[in-house]
C-alpha atoms as a PDB file:
ATOM      1  CA  MET A   1      50.113 -91.838 175.852  1.00  0.00           C
ATOM      2  CA  THR A   2      51.207 -88.072 175.393  1.00  0.00           C
ATOM      3  CA  SER A   3      51.281 -86.679 171.671  1.00  0.00           C
ATOM      4  CA  PRO A   4      54.755 -86.229 170.100  1.00  0.00           C
ATOM      5  CA  SER A   5      54.889 -82.688 170.814  1.00  0.00           C
ATOM      6  CA  GLY A   6      54.731 -83.274 174.449  1.00  0.00           C
ATOM      7  CA  SER A   7      51.354 -82.014 175.102  1.00  0.00           C
ATOM      8  CA  ALA A   8      49.560 -84.140 177.587  1.00  0.00           C
ATOM      9  CA  SER A   9      46.600 -82.478 177.259  1.00  0.00           C
ATOM     10  CA  SER A  10      45.283 -85.361 175.118  1.00  0.00           C
ATOM     11  CA  ASN A  11      44.915 -87.880 177.782  1.00  0.00           C
ATOM     12  CA  GLY A  12      43.644 -85.540 180.494  1.00  0.00           C
ATOM     13  CA  GLU A  13      46.627 -84.888 182.321  1.00  0.00           C
ATOM     14  CA  VAL A  14      47.568 -81.402 183.436  1.00  0.00           C
ATOM     15  CA  LYS A  15      50.381 -79.731 181.573  1.00  0.00           C
ATOM     16  CA  THR A  16      53.423 -78.385 183.648  1.00  0.00           C
ATOM     17  CA  LEU A  17      56.787 -76.931 182.588  1.00  0.00           C
ATOM     18  CA  PRO A  18      59.530 -79.728 181.875  1.00  0.00           C
ATOM     19  CA  PHE A  19      62.260 -80.084 184.299  1.00  0.00           C
ATOM     20  CA  ALA A  20      64.768 -78.875 181.885  1.00  0.00           C
ATOM     21  CA  VAL A  21      63.186 -75.291 181.835  1.00  0.00           C
ATOM     22  CA  GLY A  22      63.822 -74.875 185.614  1.00  0.00           C
ATOM     23  CA  PHE A  23      67.316 -76.153 185.202  1.00  0.00           C
ATOM     24  CA  VAL A  24      68.281 -73.875 182.464  1.00  0.00           C
ATOM     25  CA  VAL A  25      66.860 -71.125 184.459  1.00  0.00           C
ATOM     26  CA  ALA A  26      68.970 -72.296 187.476  1.00  0.00           C
ATOM     27  CA  PHE A  27      72.191 -72.221 185.528  1.00  0.00           C
ATOM     28  CA  GLY A  28      71.451 -68.991 184.142  1.00  0.00           C
ATOM     29  CA  THR A  29      70.798 -67.600 187.629  1.00  0.00           C
ATOM     30  CA  GLY A  30      74.023 -69.036 188.818  1.00  0.00           C
ATOM     31  CA  TYR A  31      76.020 -67.547 185.814  1.00  0.00           C
ATOM     32  CA  VAL A  32      74.330 -64.115 186.364  1.00  0.00           C
ATOM     33  CA  CYS A  33      75.343 -64.540 189.826  1.00  0.00           C
ATOM     34  CA  GLY A  34      78.584 -65.367 189.359  1.00  0.00           C
ATOM     35  CA  GLU A  35      79.591 -62.819 186.684  1.00  0.00           C
ATOM     36  CA  PHE A  36      78.103 -59.895 188.069  1.00  0.00           C
ATOM     37  CA  PHE A  37      77.985 -60.391 191.776  1.00  0.00           C
ATOM     38  CA  GLY A  38      81.084 -62.225 191.974  1.00  0.00           C
ATOM     39  CA  PHE A  39      79.959 -65.352 193.891  1.00  0.00           C
ATOM     40  CA  PRO A  40      82.505 -67.966 194.412  1.00  0.00           C
ATOM     41  CA  TRP A  41      81.705 -71.448 193.049  1.00  0.00           C
ATOM     42  CA  TRP A  42      80.139 -72.829 196.262  1.00  0.00           C
ATOM     43  CA  GLN A  43      77.593 -69.940 196.273  1.00  0.00           C
ATOM     44  CA  ARG A  44      76.842 -70.691 192.592  1.00  0.00           C
ATOM     45  CA  LEU A  45      76.189 -74.134 193.197  1.00  0.00           C
ATOM     46  CA  ILE A  46      73.883 -73.184 196.394  1.00  0.00           C
ATOM     47  CA  THR A  47      72.148 -70.649 194.173  1.00  0.00           C
ATOM     48  CA  VAL A  48      71.196 -73.207 191.360  1.00  0.00           C
ATOM     49  CA  VAL A  49      70.147 -75.754 193.930  1.00  0.00           C
ATOM     50  CA  VAL A  50      67.630 -73.410 195.574  1.00  0.00           C
ATOM     51  CA  THR A  51      66.582 -72.092 192.141  1.00  0.00           C
ATOM     52  CA  VAL A  52      65.884 -75.383 190.799  1.00  0.00           C
ATOM     53  CA  MET A  53      63.847 -76.388 194.028  1.00  0.00           C
ATOM     54  CA  ALA A  54      61.877 -73.003 193.757  1.00  0.00           C
ATOM     55  CA  VAL A  55      61.152 -73.276 190.139  1.00  0.00           C
ATOM     56  CA  GLU A  56      60.144 -76.985 190.390  1.00  0.00           C
ATOM     57  CA  GLY A  57      58.273 -76.247 193.527  1.00  0.00           C
ATOM     58  CA  ALA A  58      56.437 -73.481 192.180  1.00  0.00           C
ATOM     59  CA  ASN A  59      55.402 -75.806 188.995  1.00  0.00           C
ATOM     60  CA  GLN A  60      54.419 -78.515 191.118  1.00  0.00           C
ATOM     61  CA  ALA A  61      51.963 -76.045 193.228  1.00  0.00           C
ATOM     62  CA  VAL A  62      50.460 -74.459 189.675  1.00  0.00           C
ATOM     63  CA  GLY A  63      50.022 -78.169 188.122  1.00  0.00           C
ATOM     64  CA  ARG A  64      48.247 -79.157 191.504  1.00  0.00           C
ATOM     65  CA  ALA A  65      46.029 -76.100 191.400  1.00  0.00           C
ATOM     66  CA  ARG A  66      45.184 -76.760 187.646  1.00  0.00           C
ATOM     67  CA  ALA A  67      44.190 -80.190 188.409  1.00  0.00           C
ATOM     68  CA  ARG A  68      41.991 -79.330 191.057  1.00  0.00           C
ATOM     69  CA  LYS A  69      40.064 -76.707 188.953  1.00  0.00           C
ATOM     70  CA  LYS A  70      39.674 -79.342 186.092  1.00  0.00           C
ATOM     71  CA  ALA A  71      38.574 -81.856 188.331  1.00  0.00           C
ATOM     72  CA  LEU A  72      35.816 -79.585 190.104  1.00  0.00           C
ATOM     73  CA  GLY A  73      34.618 -78.858 186.487  1.00  0.00           C
ATOM     74  CA  GLU A  74      34.148 -75.242 186.333  1.00  0.00           C
ATOM     75  CA  PRO A  75      36.743 -73.034 187.681  1.00  0.00           C
ATOM     76  CA  GLY A  76      36.316 -72.355 190.903  1.00  0.00           C
ATOM     77  CA  SER A  77      32.798 -73.469 191.281  1.00  0.00           C
ATOM     78  CA  GLU A  78      32.901 -75.317 194.669  1.00  0.00           C
ATOM     79  CA  ALA A  79      35.236 -72.772 196.284  1.00  0.00           C
ATOM     80  CA  ASP A  80      32.994 -69.961 195.204  1.00  0.00           C
ATOM     81  CA  GLN A  81      29.972 -71.431 196.595  1.00  0.00           C
ATOM     82  CA  ARG A  82      31.574 -72.124 200.240  1.00  0.00           C
ATOM     83  CA  SER A  83      32.685 -68.602 200.404  1.00  0.00           C
ATOM     84  CA  SER A  84      29.481 -66.992 199.098  1.00  0.00           C
ATOM     85  CA  SER A  85      27.649 -69.222 201.880  1.00  0.00           C
ATOM     86  CA  SER A  86      29.118 -67.979 204.804  1.00  0.00           C
END
């Protein structure tokens, strides 16, 4: 179980951004594109969808990288050994 503050570190899980953060960033991007660049509604919708996908993809990539480092023990120890031996 996670702690009440939403931190997942107490049970060993890697922290990632909540989905709501990406959603707010996406709507902010859609608003800015609509107000300042004059995007019609369908371009705003595409902008929101693409932004949500990009932020969520980056979030998952960072979470997986952190999980891999945590699984290896010391950060980059196995990767550093492989690169130094060649």
